[in-house]
Amino acid sequence: MKFLSRKEELILLTIWKLKNNAYGVTIREQIADSTGKYWSIGAVYDVLDRLVSKGYLYAESSQPTAERGGKSKRFYFLTKKGHNLLLEIKSLEESMWADLPSPLLKKS
């Protein structure tokens, strides 16, 4: 199993959650909503580029629109490899958490 950085994992999960609406701004907004942490758009794109190069994501550009000044959006999607990796990570984390005794899981 390959391991990801926490940021890479959060980006993959966010793209899975956003389905067909995952582009830079929506990814950043969803991460902020979910974690309470603000990421610069550059930080988001650095991780996106890395995940594309690793084969966990692919990107498609939309048609340019006048409302965006003739620019297109770059949408991101999980590849089968990325989807399978998320399932492996989920399984690993569940098994790691399952072995902890209940008193350790309470906030102090």
C-alpha atoms as a PDB file:
ATOM      1  CA  MET A   1       0.000   0.000   0.000  1.00  0.00           C
ATOM      2  CA  LYS A   2       1.224   3.472  -0.864  1.00  0.00           C
ATOM      3  CA  PHE A   3       1.050   6.148   1.807  1.00  0.00           C
ATOM      4  CA  LEU A   4      -0.035   9.713   1.151  1.00  0.00           C
ATOM      5  CA  SER A   5       0.586  12.925   3.016  1.00  0.00           C
ATOM      6  CA  ARG A   6      -2.406  14.114   5.039  1.00  0.00           C
ATOM      7  CA  LYS A   7      -2.941  16.943   2.538  1.00  0.00           C
ATOM      8  CA  GLU A   8      -2.981  14.491  -0.368  1.00  0.00           C
ATOM      9  CA  GLU A   9      -5.495  12.303   1.437  1.00  0.00           C
ATOM     10  CA  LEU A  10      -7.744  15.283   2.230  1.00  0.00           C
ATOM     11  CA  ILE A  11      -7.669  16.429  -1.401  1.00  0.00           C
ATOM     12  CA  LEU A  12      -8.592  12.948  -2.672  1.00  0.00           C
ATOM     13  CA  LEU A  13     -11.445  12.668  -0.159  1.00  0.00           C
ATOM     14  CA  THR A  14     -12.688  16.130  -1.066  1.00  0.00           C
ATOM     15  CA  ILE A  15     -12.719  15.337  -4.778  1.00  0.00           C
ATOM     16  CA  TRP A  16     -14.625  12.123  -4.087  1.00  0.00           C
ATOM     17  CA  LYS A  17     -17.137  14.112  -2.022  1.00  0.00           C
ATOM     18  CA  LEU A  18     -17.561  16.879  -4.627  1.00  0.00           C
ATOM     19  CA  LYS A  19     -18.093  14.356  -7.444  1.00  0.00           C
ATOM     20  CA  ASN A  20     -18.357  16.259 -10.753  1.00  0.00           C
ATOM     21  CA  ASN A  21     -17.850  19.718  -9.226  1.00  0.00           C
ATOM     22  CA  ALA A  22     -14.234  19.436  -8.038  1.00  0.00           C
ATOM     23  CA  TYR A  23     -12.094  22.325  -9.233  1.00  0.00           C
ATOM     24  CA  GLY A  24      -9.608  24.528  -7.377  1.00  0.00           C
ATOM     25  CA  VAL A  25     -12.016  26.906  -5.650  1.00  0.00           C
ATOM     26  CA  THR A  26     -14.632  24.300  -4.667  1.00  0.00           C
ATOM     27  CA  ILE A  27     -11.910  21.987  -3.364  1.00  0.00           C
ATOM     28  CA  ARG A  28     -10.435  24.773  -1.235  1.00  0.00           C
ATOM     29  CA  GLU A  29     -13.880  25.799   0.082  1.00  0.00           C
ATOM     30  CA  GLN A  30     -14.839  22.216   0.964  1.00  0.00           C
ATOM     31  CA  ILE A  31     -11.561  21.676   2.838  1.00  0.00           C
ATOM     32  CA  ALA A  32     -12.120  24.899   4.798  1.00  0.00           C
ATOM     33  CA  ASP A  33     -15.704  23.859   5.623  1.00  0.00           C
ATOM     34  CA  SER A  34     -14.651  20.368   6.699  1.00  0.00           C
ATOM     35  CA  THR A  35     -11.476  21.195   8.628  1.00  0.00           C
ATOM     36  CA  GLY A  36     -11.770  24.846   9.625  1.00  0.00           C
ATOM     37  CA  LYS A  37      -8.359  25.382   8.005  1.00  0.00           C
ATOM     38  CA  TYR A  38      -7.707  27.799   5.145  1.00  0.00           C
ATOM     39  CA  TRP A  39      -5.393  26.685   2.334  1.00  0.00           C
ATOM     40  CA  SER A  40      -4.044  29.062  -0.266  1.00  0.00           C
ATOM     41  CA  ILE A  41      -5.090  28.235  -3.806  1.00  0.00           C
ATOM     42  CA  GLY A  42      -1.413  27.622  -4.612  1.00  0.00           C
ATOM     43  CA  ALA A  43      -1.201  24.978  -1.876  1.00  0.00           C
ATOM     44  CA  VAL A  44      -4.274  23.250  -3.325  1.00  0.00           C
ATOM     45  CA  TYR A  45      -2.851  23.234  -6.857  1.00  0.00           C
ATOM     46  CA  ASP A  46       0.553  21.962  -5.688  1.00  0.00           C
ATOM     47  CA  VAL A  47      -1.138  18.896  -4.192  1.00  0.00           C
ATOM     48  CA  LEU A  48      -3.463  18.472  -7.196  1.00  0.00           C
ATOM     49  CA  ASP A  49      -0.506  18.498  -9.599  1.00  0.00           C
ATOM     50  CA  ARG A  50       1.331  15.934  -7.471  1.00  0.00           C
ATOM     51  CA  LEU A  51      -1.712  13.625  -7.329  1.00  0.00           C
ATOM     52  CA  VAL A  52      -2.193  13.865 -11.100  1.00  0.00           C
ATOM     53  CA  SER A  53       1.473  12.987 -11.664  1.00  0.00           C
ATOM     54  CA  LYS A  54       1.133   9.979  -9.316  1.00  0.00           C
ATOM     55  CA  GLY A  55      -1.873   8.749 -11.315  1.00  0.00           C
ATOM     56  CA  TYR A  56      -4.485   9.152  -8.548  1.00  0.00           C
ATOM     57  CA  LEU A  57      -6.354  11.949 -10.344  1.00  0.00           C
ATOM     58  CA  TYR A  58      -6.986  13.150 -13.852  1.00  0.00           C
ATOM     59  CA  ALA A  59      -8.066  16.617 -14.950  1.00  0.00           C
ATOM     60  CA  GLU A  60     -10.400  17.886 -17.659  1.00  0.00           C
ATOM     61  CA  SER A  61     -10.915  21.479 -18.728  1.00  0.00           C
ATOM     62  CA  SER A  62     -14.397  22.899 -19.247  1.00  0.00           C
ATOM     63  CA  GLN A  63     -15.360  25.089 -22.165  1.00  0.00           C
ATOM     64  CA  PRO A  64     -14.233  28.711 -21.732  1.00  0.00           C
ATOM     65  CA  THR A  65     -17.036  31.040 -20.665  1.00  0.00           C
ATOM     66  CA  ALA A  66     -17.552  34.789 -20.999  1.00  0.00           C
ATOM     67  CA  GLU A  67     -18.351  35.101 -17.283  1.00  0.00           C
ATOM     68  CA  ARG A  68     -14.857  33.754 -16.528  1.00  0.00           C
ATOM     69  CA  GLY A  69     -13.205  36.149 -18.970  1.00  0.00           C
ATOM     70  CA  GLY A  70     -12.844  33.457 -21.624  1.00  0.00           C
ATOM     71  CA  LYS A  71     -11.130  31.044 -19.241  1.00  0.00           C
ATOM     72  CA  SER A  72     -12.063  27.443 -18.570  1.00  0.00           C
ATOM     73  CA  LYS A  73     -12.267  25.559 -15.266  1.00  0.00           C
ATOM     74  CA  ARG A  74     -10.033  22.575 -14.629  1.00  0.00           C
ATOM     75  CA  PHE A  75     -12.095  19.794 -13.046  1.00  0.00           C
ATOM     76  CA  TYR A  76     -10.452  16.919 -11.173  1.00  0.00           C
ATOM     77  CA  PHE A  77     -11.610  13.312 -10.944  1.00  0.00           C
ATOM     78  CA  LEU A  78     -10.393  10.223  -9.127  1.00  0.00           C
ATOM     79  CA  THR A  79      -8.799   7.527 -11.237  1.00  0.00           C
ATOM     80  CA  LYS A  80      -9.475   3.885 -10.423  1.00  0.00           C
ATOM     81  CA  LYS A  81      -6.038   3.837  -8.775  1.00  0.00           C
ATOM     82  CA  GLY A  82      -6.981   6.843  -6.610  1.00  0.00           C
ATOM     83  CA  HIS A  83     -10.344   5.358  -5.660  1.00  0.00           C
ATOM     84  CA  ASN A  84      -8.765   2.036  -4.693  1.00  0.00           C
ATOM     85  CA  LEU A  85      -6.109   3.796  -2.629  1.00  0.00           C
ATOM     86  CA  LEU A  86      -8.774   5.681  -0.658  1.00  0.00           C
ATOM     87  CA  LEU A  87     -10.543   2.397   0.086  1.00  0.00           C
ATOM     88  CA  GLU A  88      -7.260   0.901   1.318  1.00  0.00           C
ATOM     89  CA  ILE A  89      -6.588   3.936   3.525  1.00  0.00           C
ATOM     90  CA  LYS A  90     -10.101   3.745   4.992  1.00  0.00           C
ATOM     91  CA  SER A  91      -9.687   0.053   5.767  1.00  0.00           C
ATOM     92  CA  LEU A  92      -6.281   0.598   7.378  1.00  0.00           C
ATOM     93  CA  GLU A  93      -7.500   3.491   9.520  1.00  0.00           C
ATOM     94  CA  GLU A  94     -10.580   1.566  10.651  1.00  0.00           C
ATOM     95  CA  SER A  95      -8.446  -1.400  11.698  1.00  0.00           C
ATOM     96  CA  MET A  96      -6.010   0.868  13.566  1.00  0.00           C
ATOM     97  CA  TRP A  97      -8.821   2.644  15.434  1.00  0.00           C
ATOM     98  CA  ALA A  98     -10.648  -0.615  16.180  1.00  0.00           C
ATOM     99  CA  ASP A  99      -7.794  -1.862  18.368  1.00  0.00           C
ATOM    100  CA  LEU A 100      -7.915   1.095  20.752  1.00  0.00           C
ATOM    101  CA  PRO A 101      -9.727   0.657  24.070  1.00  0.00           C
ATOM    102  CA  SER A 102     -12.827   2.839  24.525  1.00  0.00           C
ATOM    103  CA  PRO A 103     -11.467   5.050  27.366  1.00  0.00           C
ATOM    104  CA  LEU A 104      -8.705   6.289  25.057  1.00  0.00           C
ATOM    105  CA  LEU A 105     -11.278   7.524  22.559  1.00  0.00           C
ATOM    106  CA  LYS A 106     -12.829  10.055  24.961  1.00  0.00           C
ATOM    107  CA  LYS A 107     -11.800  13.709  24.908  1.00  0.00           C
ATOM    108  CA  SER A 108      -9.923  14.879  27.961  1.00  0.00           C
END
